């Protein structure tokens, strides 16, 4: 039995190799999407969707091809359903507080620009566009992003750093930096704020027992709040 487990482990790609494969797949998909961006019917606001979806497919493939399961990515049923709303609310409140406080904390040292959300101007004052985004974002962003960055990358970084306290902290910070970097189209402010989001989601993922569905629901709640905020802004001239 021990030899069989050791053999399965030896067949797993090195964590850095697995991380590089997923990032490469996403990067190539993003580059291809940019090459035909002018011909995409959904416009600039959808850039990156294909990249994160293919990244999630690559993460699933790397996990399942060697005998892994969806549970390895945190896709498991919550043990106590009645605690889920409290977890989601707590994560969401922490996220909102972090987004509000961090810019104020760093303001004396650095004036952080606001994230560039101009690609979502079409939502302003448009009920149908706002509803469509609320319905689509879980499928095109929250679920695939959580599969890649929390479910997959957290596991790989933990394998790399170790499953101890320090290793978990480094795993949270590492995936958060990657998560922030891939949002470069939102400008420096967007990179910083999504990195903070990555820290909150990553920490929550560990605290709730690596249950990805809980974090996905909190992530979706944050998206709903963002869409409502954008909808309430005056329509662009």
Foldseek 3Di string as FASTA:
>chain_A
DVVVVVVLVVPQDALVVLLVVLQVQLVVQLVVCVVCQVVDPVHDVCRSLRSLVRSLVSLVCSQPVSPHDVVLLQADDQPDVVCLVVLLVVLLVVLVVCLVVVCVVCVVPDNQDAFAPVRPLVLAQDPVSLVVCLVCCLVRPLVSVSSRLQRRQLSSQCVVQPVDPVSLQVSQQVSLQVQLVVVCVRPPNSSVSSSSVSSSLNVSCVVSPNNSVSSSSSVSVVSNVVSVVSHNDHRDD
